[in-house]
């Protein structure tokens, strides 16, 4: 089997290279995107395709052997099928070409030398330029140029999204859903974009209280993302602003300072606090808070790479049977790490994501990418240490305000 790797600007170009060298029987083994340049992020993105073909197929498709004519000129057998196809293509182009004259290929053995074409390179370039001029108004109605590049208002929105670190394919995908409306004013375009965003950026809404019995909400996530502070903000909000009976269960027994901090907070807020050291104690803690409206459960920070600690957390989660599981992640985390945390915690029943530390980053595109890719709704955003003020309900419109503000 013959295996070869091809690099091209587009998949179409790569397939043409493969077909030309290996033939139509070739199979694609692998495709990937790569960047060339001194630095990966400054280089041009290209398509890398690995293709293969059976050796026998290569032999079958090999060019027929050359033979010498009586005149001593090397000749190759004529591919009559290809000549016929070329004639058909020429006829089609001539019908659609608006008067452009294209000469058909000379069949072998005709004894006539090819006549000079009426088109030279300069003429062809001029025709292409005129064709682009004709097509540009059509493309502009869809927000694109004839080269496929987003222009005008849609191009501005795309550039703003990418400048905020929103994934380019996500940005273009969103715009493609609305650019059919043609060129709009900046205000109208933003309005249409927000309409699409409502269905593209899922949010959970506030904690859903029950008519009878407490709602159990667990907050889990990596170390240092602000789980305890986020829990305290929500506890204060529901206790002070909503006048709800709130209790806290903490399983974060690894940090003595954290236990003392949450104890003092609970005393000030007149909130029931229980500390559990093992999953066996959870049932009693839940029963003791059965008359409350909300039970907020704080867990120890766990690294997704520590299998033992993640397994311990999974046992706690099984014992809790929470109504809501909020994965707490920092907005300062890289795209890849956000998604790896999502994948690692998702099996534990995560159904909401809290993003913290909005005030510590100037780019929020990673948050947008994470929510869109994972399809797990965002629940809350936090942006400071103030309790209970520096937290807000996740909403698409509010998020876009944060995104645009950080990009200005």
Protein backbone atom coordinates (compact mmCIF):
# COMPACT_ATOMS: atom_id res chain seq x y z
CA UNK A 1 0.00 0.00 0.00
CA UNK A 2 1.27 3.48 -0.90
CA UNK A 3 0.75 6.11 1.81
CA UNK A 4 1.46 9.82 1.36
CA UNK A 5 0.75 13.04 3.24
CA UNK A 6 -0.53 16.13 1.40
CA UNK A 7 -0.65 19.75 2.61
CA UNK A 8 -2.94 22.28 0.95
CA UNK A 9 -4.79 25.52 1.61
CA UNK A 10 -8.17 23.79 1.57
CA UNK A 11 -9.69 20.32 1.60
CA UNK A 12 -10.79 20.79 -2.02
CA UNK A 13 -7.23 21.52 -3.10
CA UNK A 14 -5.91 18.54 -1.12
CA UNK A 15 -8.42 16.19 -2.73
CA UNK A 16 -7.42 17.42 -6.18
CA UNK A 17 -3.77 16.68 -5.40
CA UNK A 18 -4.63 13.21 -4.11
CA UNK A 19 -6.83 12.41 -7.09
CA UNK A 20 -4.18 13.62 -9.53
CA UNK A 21 -1.39 11.50 -8.04
CA UNK A 22 -3.15 8.48 -6.50
CA UNK A 23 -6.34 8.39 -8.53
CA UNK A 24 -9.99 8.02 -7.62
CA UNK A 25 -9.42 4.75 -5.74
CA UNK A 26 -7.40 6.49 -3.01
CA UNK A 27 -8.74 6.48 0.53
CA UNK A 28 -8.37 9.16 3.21
CA UNK A 29 -6.67 7.93 6.39
CA UNK A 30 -6.45 11.14 8.41
CA UNK A 31 -7.19 14.87 8.16
CA UNK A 32 -5.99 17.66 10.42
CA UNK A 33 -5.41 21.39 10.48
CA UNK A 34 -1.90 22.79 10.87
CA UNK A 35 -0.25 26.18 10.93
CA UNK A 36 3.00 27.09 9.21
CA UNK A 37 5.16 29.97 10.30
CA UNK A 38 7.68 30.92 12.95
CA UNK A 39 4.94 30.68 15.57
CA UNK A 40 1.86 28.45 15.24
CA UNK A 41 -0.52 31.25 16.11
CA UNK A 42 0.90 33.60 13.49
CA UNK A 43 1.23 31.08 10.67
CA UNK A 44 -1.25 30.33 7.90
CA UNK A 45 -3.68 27.52 8.70
CA UNK A 46 -3.57 24.65 6.19
CA UNK A 47 -5.18 21.26 5.74
CA UNK A 48 -3.00 18.18 6.13
CA UNK A 49 -4.42 14.99 4.63
CA UNK A 50 -2.92 11.50 4.75
CA UNK A 51 -4.11 9.32 1.87
CA UNK A 52 -3.35 5.80 0.71
CA UNK A 53 -3.96 3.51 -2.24
CA UNK A 54 -3.44 -0.17 -2.81
CA UNK A 55 -0.30 -0.96 -4.84
CA UNK A 56 -2.36 -2.98 -7.32
CA UNK A 57 -4.64 -0.01 -7.91
CA UNK A 58 -1.59 2.16 -8.60
CA UNK A 59 -0.38 -0.39 -11.16
CA UNK A 60 -3.76 -0.50 -12.86
CA UNK A 61 -3.91 3.29 -13.09
CA UNK A 62 -0.33 3.68 -14.36
CA UNK A 63 0.10 5.51 -17.65
CA UNK A 64 0.21 3.30 -20.75
CA UNK A 65 3.73 2.77 -22.06
CA UNK A 66 5.12 5.18 -24.61
CA UNK A 67 5.52 3.92 -28.14
CA UNK A 68 7.50 5.28 -31.05
CA UNK A 69 5.80 6.10 -34.33
CA UNK A 70 7.33 5.64 -37.74
CA UNK A 71 8.36 9.26 -37.68
CA UNK A 72 10.33 8.74 -34.50
CA UNK A 73 7.95 10.82 -32.35
CA UNK A 74 6.90 9.38 -28.99
CA UNK A 75 3.14 8.92 -28.70
CA UNK A 76 0.82 7.87 -25.94
CA UNK A 77 -2.58 6.17 -26.52
CA UNK A 78 -5.42 8.64 -26.57
CA UNK A 79 -7.87 8.69 -23.66
CA UNK A 80 -10.99 9.14 -25.81
CA UNK A 81 -13.24 9.32 -22.76
CA UNK A 82 -11.33 12.29 -21.35
CA UNK A 83 -11.32 14.04 -24.75
CA UNK A 84 -15.07 13.59 -24.91
CA UNK A 85 -15.48 14.97 -21.36
CA UNK A 86 -13.35 17.99 -22.23
CA UNK A 87 -15.51 18.69 -25.26
CA UNK A 88 -18.63 18.53 -23.08
CA UNK A 89 -17.11 20.92 -20.52
CA UNK A 90 -16.11 23.35 -23.26
CA UNK A 91 -19.62 23.28 -24.70
CA UNK A 92 -21.14 23.89 -21.27
CA UNK A 93 -18.80 26.77 -20.51
CA UNK A 94 -19.43 28.30 -23.92
CA UNK A 95 -23.19 28.14 -23.32
CA UNK A 96 -22.84 29.79 -19.88
CA UNK A 97 -19.85 32.00 -20.59
CA UNK A 98 -21.69 34.92 -22.07
CA UNK A 99 -19.89 34.88 -25.42
CA UNK A 100 -16.45 33.77 -24.21
CA UNK A 101 -14.91 31.58 -26.91
CA UNK A 102 -13.16 28.45 -25.66
CA UNK A 103 -11.28 26.20 -28.05
CA UNK A 104 -11.90 22.47 -27.81
CA UNK A 105 -8.92 20.15 -27.47
CA UNK A 106 -7.43 18.74 -30.67
CA UNK A 107 -7.95 15.01 -30.93
CA UNK A 108 -4.85 12.89 -31.47
CA UNK A 109 -4.11 11.91 -35.02
CA UNK A 110 -6.06 14.76 -36.54
CA UNK A 111 -2.92 15.94 -38.27
CA UNK A 112 -3.70 19.59 -37.46
CA UNK A 113 -1.56 21.73 -35.23
CA UNK A 114 -3.45 23.58 -32.49
CA UNK A 115 -4.62 27.00 -33.59
CA UNK A 116 -3.54 29.97 -31.50
CA UNK A 117 -6.15 30.76 -28.88
CA UNK A 118 -7.82 34.12 -28.92
CA UNK A 119 -7.31 34.32 -25.14
CA UNK A 120 -3.99 35.04 -23.51
CA UNK A 121 -3.12 35.24 -19.81
CA UNK A 122 -3.93 38.94 -19.61
CA UNK A 123 -7.34 38.39 -21.23
CA UNK A 124 -8.17 35.59 -18.78
CA UNK A 125 -7.21 37.71 -15.77
CA UNK A 126 -9.37 40.53 -17.07
CA UNK A 127 -12.33 38.18 -17.54
CA UNK A 128 -11.92 36.90 -13.98
CA UNK A 129 -11.78 40.44 -12.65
CA UNK A 130 -14.96 41.37 -14.54
CA UNK A 131 -16.69 38.22 -13.24
CA UNK A 132 -15.82 39.15 -9.66
CA UNK A 133 -17.24 42.63 -10.22
CA UNK A 134 -20.47 41.07 -11.47
CA UNK A 135 -20.71 38.64 -8.55
CA UNK A 136 -19.75 40.99 -5.72
CA UNK A 137 -23.23 42.62 -5.45
CA UNK A 138 -24.78 39.16 -5.17
CA UNK A 139 -22.37 38.09 -2.44
CA UNK A 140 -22.72 41.38 -0.59
CA UNK A 141 -26.42 40.65 -0.11
CA UNK A 142 -25.34 37.67 2.00
CA UNK A 143 -22.67 39.63 3.85
CA UNK A 144 -19.69 38.20 1.95
CA UNK A 145 -17.29 39.15 -0.81
CA UNK A 146 -16.75 37.03 -3.90
CA UNK A 147 -13.65 35.59 -2.23
CA UNK A 148 -15.83 34.28 0.64
CA UNK A 149 -14.59 36.81 3.21
CA UNK A 150 -17.16 38.36 5.53
CA UNK A 151 -17.57 42.06 4.83
CA UNK A 152 -19.31 45.07 6.30
CA UNK A 153 -21.32 44.71 9.50
CA UNK A 154 -20.99 40.93 9.61
CA UNK A 155 -17.25 41.17 9.17
CA UNK A 156 -17.09 43.67 12.03
CA UNK A 157 -19.05 41.36 14.35
CA UNK A 158 -16.86 38.40 13.38
CA UNK A 159 -13.70 40.40 14.05
CA UNK A 160 -14.98 41.55 17.45
CA UNK A 161 -15.81 37.99 18.45
CA UNK A 162 -12.42 36.65 17.37
CA UNK A 163 -10.66 39.54 19.11
CA UNK A 164 -12.39 38.35 22.30
CA UNK A 165 -10.97 34.82 21.74
CA UNK A 166 -14.23 33.33 20.48
CA UNK A 167 -13.44 30.32 18.30
CA UNK A 168 -13.50 31.39 14.63
CA UNK A 169 -15.69 28.49 13.50
CA UNK A 170 -18.20 29.29 16.27
CA UNK A 171 -18.20 32.98 15.33
CA UNK A 172 -18.74 32.30 11.63
CA UNK A 173 -21.35 29.65 12.40
CA UNK A 174 -23.42 32.13 14.40
CA UNK A 175 -23.15 34.82 11.75
CA UNK A 176 -24.07 32.40 8.97
CA UNK A 177 -27.44 31.90 10.67
CA UNK A 178 -28.38 35.55 10.29
CA UNK A 179 -26.35 37.12 7.47
CA UNK A 180 -28.98 36.09 4.92
CA UNK A 181 -30.76 39.29 5.89
CA UNK A 182 -28.13 41.19 3.91
CA UNK A 183 -26.26 44.30 4.95
CA UNK A 184 -27.79 45.91 8.05
CA UNK A 185 -26.95 48.87 10.25
CA UNK A 186 -24.72 48.12 13.24
CA UNK A 187 -27.72 48.47 15.58
CA UNK A 188 -29.95 46.12 13.57
CA UNK A 189 -27.13 43.60 13.15
CA UNK A 190 -26.47 43.56 16.91
CA UNK A 191 -30.19 43.07 17.51
CA UNK A 192 -30.38 40.11 15.11
CA UNK A 193 -27.20 38.66 16.56
CA UNK A 194 -28.65 38.78 20.08
CA UNK A 195 -31.74 36.94 18.88
CA UNK A 196 -29.60 34.08 17.59
CA UNK A 197 -27.46 34.14 20.72
CA UNK A 198 -30.51 33.46 22.88
CA UNK A 199 -30.65 29.93 21.46
CA UNK A 200 -26.88 29.43 21.07
CA UNK A 201 -25.74 30.35 24.59
CA UNK A 202 -27.75 28.14 27.00
CA UNK A 203 -28.44 29.37 30.52
CA UNK A 204 -30.13 27.57 33.40
CA UNK A 205 -31.89 30.38 35.19
CA UNK A 206 -31.77 30.78 39.00
CA UNK A 207 -31.80 27.96 41.53
CA UNK A 208 -35.16 26.26 41.17
CA UNK A 209 -36.92 26.20 44.52
CA UNK A 210 -39.39 23.46 45.36
CA UNK A 211 -42.92 23.91 46.62
CA UNK A 212 -42.20 21.36 49.32
CA UNK A 213 -38.82 20.37 50.75
CA UNK A 214 -35.36 21.78 50.13
CA UNK A 215 -33.52 21.96 46.84
CA UNK A 216 -30.02 20.46 47.15
CA UNK A 217 -27.33 22.28 45.17
CA UNK A 218 -23.74 21.03 45.01
CA UNK A 219 -20.79 23.20 44.00
CA UNK A 220 -17.79 21.27 42.69
CA UNK A 221 -14.70 22.09 40.69
CA UNK A 222 -10.93 22.47 40.63
CA UNK A 223 -8.96 24.09 43.45
CA UNK A 224 -8.80 27.86 43.68
CA UNK A 225 -11.73 28.75 41.41
CA UNK A 226 -13.84 30.33 44.18
CA UNK A 227 -16.39 27.65 45.08
CA UNK A 228 -16.76 28.66 48.74
CA UNK A 229 -17.01 32.38 47.94
CA UNK A 230 -19.62 31.69 45.25
CA UNK A 231 -21.63 29.56 47.66
CA UNK A 232 -21.46 32.32 50.31
CA UNK A 233 -22.73 34.91 47.80
CA UNK A 234 -25.73 32.75 46.89
CA UNK A 235 -26.44 31.91 50.54
CA UNK A 236 -26.45 35.62 51.46
CA UNK A 237 -28.60 36.50 48.45
CA UNK A 238 -31.32 33.98 49.27
CA UNK A 239 -31.15 34.68 53.00
CA UNK A 240 -31.16 38.49 52.83
CA UNK A 241 -32.89 39.30 49.54
CA UNK A 242 -35.32 36.39 49.24
CA UNK A 243 -35.87 35.67 52.94
CA UNK A 244 -35.36 31.94 52.41
CA UNK A 245 -34.22 29.38 54.97
CA UNK A 246 -30.73 28.39 53.87
CA UNK A 247 -28.37 25.76 55.22
CA UNK A 248 -24.81 24.89 54.24
CA UNK A 249 -23.15 21.49 54.23
CA UNK A 250 -19.40 21.55 53.76
CA UNK A 251 -17.30 18.58 52.76
CA UNK A 252 -14.22 20.76 52.31
CA UNK A 253 -12.36 19.43 55.35
CA UNK A 254 -8.90 19.72 53.79
CA UNK A 255 -8.51 23.42 54.52
CA UNK A 256 -8.83 24.41 58.18
CA UNK A 257 -8.99 28.10 57.29
CA UNK A 258 -11.88 27.46 54.91
CA UNK A 259 -13.90 25.67 57.59
CA UNK A 260 -13.39 28.52 60.04
CA UNK A 261 -14.22 31.12 57.40
CA UNK A 262 -17.52 29.51 56.44
CA UNK A 263 -18.38 28.96 60.15
CA UNK A 264 -18.02 32.66 60.94
CA UNK A 265 -20.03 33.57 57.84
CA UNK A 266 -22.84 31.15 58.79
CA UNK A 267 -23.06 32.61 62.32
CA UNK A 268 -23.30 36.18 61.00
CA UNK A 269 -25.98 35.23 58.45
CA UNK A 270 -27.88 32.98 60.89
CA UNK A 271 -27.48 30.02 58.55
CA UNK A 272 -27.29 26.38 59.64
CA UNK A 273 -23.81 24.91 58.97
CA UNK A 274 -22.90 21.22 59.05
CA UNK A 275 -19.53 19.64 58.32
CA UNK A 276 -19.36 16.10 56.95
CA UNK A 277 -16.17 14.04 56.88
CA UNK A 278 -17.45 10.99 55.03
CA UNK A 279 -20.32 10.01 52.72
CA UNK A 280 -21.92 8.08 55.59
CA UNK A 281 -22.68 11.37 57.38
CA UNK A 282 -24.51 12.97 54.48
CA UNK A 283 -27.90 11.34 55.09
CA UNK A 284 -28.09 12.73 58.65
CA UNK A 285 -27.00 16.18 57.49
CA UNK A 286 -29.69 16.26 54.81
CA UNK A 287 -32.32 15.14 57.29
CA UNK A 288 -31.32 17.87 59.75
CA UNK A 289 -31.92 20.48 57.03
CA UNK A 290 -35.16 18.96 55.71
CA UNK A 291 -37.22 21.97 56.81
CA UNK A 292 -35.07 24.51 54.99
CA UNK A 293 -35.69 25.90 51.49
CA UNK A 294 -32.17 25.58 50.10
CA UNK A 295 -29.25 23.31 50.98
CA UNK A 296 -25.94 24.48 49.50
CA UNK A 297 -23.15 21.89 49.54
CA UNK A 298 -19.51 22.96 49.39
CA UNK A 299 -16.94 20.38 48.24
CA UNK A 300 -13.15 20.27 48.35
CA UNK A 301 -11.33 21.39 45.22
CA UNK A 302 -10.31 18.46 43.08
CA UNK A 303 -7.81 18.28 40.25
CA UNK A 304 -9.22 16.46 37.25
CA UNK A 305 -5.88 14.67 36.92
CA UNK A 306 -6.00 13.13 40.42
CA UNK A 307 -8.01 9.95 39.88
CA UNK A 308 -8.18 9.04 43.58
CA UNK A 309 -9.58 12.41 44.62
CA UNK A 310 -12.05 12.41 41.74
CA UNK A 311 -13.27 8.97 42.78
CA UNK A 312 -13.77 10.21 46.36
CA UNK A 313 -15.84 13.12 45.07
CA UNK A 314 -17.93 10.76 42.94
CA UNK A 315 -18.81 8.74 46.08
CA UNK A 316 -19.92 11.94 47.87
CA UNK A 317 -22.06 12.92 44.88
CA UNK A 318 -23.76 9.52 44.82
CA UNK A 319 -24.66 9.89 48.50
CA UNK A 320 -26.03 13.42 48.04
CA UNK A 321 -28.35 12.86 45.06
CA UNK A 322 -28.38 16.63 44.39
CA UNK A 323 -31.07 18.44 42.42
CA UNK A 324 -28.51 20.76 40.87
CA UNK A 325 -24.78 20.24 40.36
CA UNK A 326 -22.90 23.43 39.55
CA UNK A 327 -19.39 23.03 38.17
CA UNK A 328 -17.43 26.12 39.20
CA UNK A 329 -14.76 27.23 36.72
CA UNK A 330 -12.56 30.30 36.47
CA UNK A 331 -12.90 32.58 33.45
CA UNK A 332 -9.10 32.93 33.51
CA UNK A 333 -8.70 29.26 32.47
CA UNK A 334 -7.61 28.32 28.94
CA UNK A 335 -10.10 26.85 26.46
CA UNK A 336 -8.57 23.39 26.48
CA UNK A 337 -8.47 23.18 30.28
CA UNK A 338 -12.08 24.35 30.56
CA UNK A 339 -13.25 21.60 28.22
CA UNK A 340 -11.11 18.95 29.95
CA UNK A 341 -12.70 19.89 33.28
CA UNK A 342 -16.15 19.70 31.71
CA UNK A 343 -15.41 16.22 30.33
CA UNK A 344 -14.00 15.02 33.65
CA UNK A 345 -16.82 16.31 35.84
CA UNK A 346 -19.72 15.68 33.46
CA UNK A 347 -20.12 11.98 34.46
CA UNK A 348 -20.86 13.15 38.02
CA UNK A 349 -24.09 14.71 36.86
CA UNK A 350 -22.95 18.29 36.26
CA UNK A 351 -25.89 20.19 34.77
CA UNK A 352 -24.83 23.81 35.30
CA UNK A 353 -21.63 25.84 35.12
CA UNK A 354 -20.66 28.85 37.24
CA UNK A 355 -17.94 31.06 35.79
CA UNK A 356 -15.94 33.11 38.28
CA UNK A 357 -13.31 35.87 38.15
CA UNK A 358 -14.74 37.87 35.25
CA UNK A 359 -12.88 40.82 36.77
CA UNK A 360 -9.51 39.09 36.37
CA UNK A 361 -9.47 38.64 32.59
CA UNK A 362 -9.75 40.89 29.53
CA UNK A 363 -10.97 38.11 27.20
CA UNK A 364 -14.12 36.05 27.75
CA UNK A 365 -14.24 34.16 24.47
CA UNK A 366 -13.10 31.00 26.25
CA UNK A 367 -16.27 31.10 28.37
CA UNK A 368 -18.40 31.50 25.25
CA UNK A 369 -16.60 28.58 23.54
CA UNK A 370 -17.02 26.35 26.59
CA UNK A 371 -20.77 26.91 26.92
CA UNK A 372 -21.45 26.51 23.20
CA UNK A 373 -19.27 23.40 22.79
CA UNK A 374 -20.40 21.62 25.96
CA UNK A 375 -24.09 22.63 25.70
CA UNK A 376 -24.15 22.74 29.53
CA UNK A 377 -26.04 25.88 30.58
CA UNK A 378 -24.32 28.64 32.52
CA UNK A 379 -25.96 29.48 35.86
CA UNK A 380 -24.03 32.38 37.42
CA UNK A 381 -21.15 34.77 36.72
CA UNK A 382 -19.00 36.30 39.47
CA UNK A 383 -16.70 39.32 39.22
CA UNK A 384 -15.24 40.16 42.64
CA UNK A 385 -15.01 39.24 46.32
CA UNK A 386 -18.03 41.24 47.49
CA UNK A 387 -20.76 39.24 49.27
CA UNK A 388 -23.49 39.07 48.08
CA UNK A 389 -23.11 41.78 45.42
CA UNK A 390 -20.45 40.48 43.02
CA UNK A 391 -22.53 37.75 41.41
CA UNK A 392 -25.19 37.79 38.73
CA UNK A 393 -27.53 35.37 37.02
CA UNK A 394 -26.12 34.14 33.71
CA UNK A 395 -28.02 35.69 30.79
CA UNK A 396 -26.98 35.85 27.11
CA UNK A 397 -27.47 39.62 26.89
CA UNK A 398 -25.49 40.31 30.06
CA UNK A 399 -22.72 38.00 28.91
CA UNK A 400 -22.40 39.79 25.57
CA UNK A 401 -22.15 43.09 27.45
CA UNK A 402 -19.21 41.66 29.38
CA UNK A 403 -17.69 40.26 26.18
CA UNK A 404 -17.93 43.51 24.20
CA UNK A 405 -16.85 45.63 27.17
CA UNK A 406 -13.67 43.62 27.64
CA UNK A 407 -12.93 43.99 23.93
CA UNK A 408 -13.17 47.80 23.89
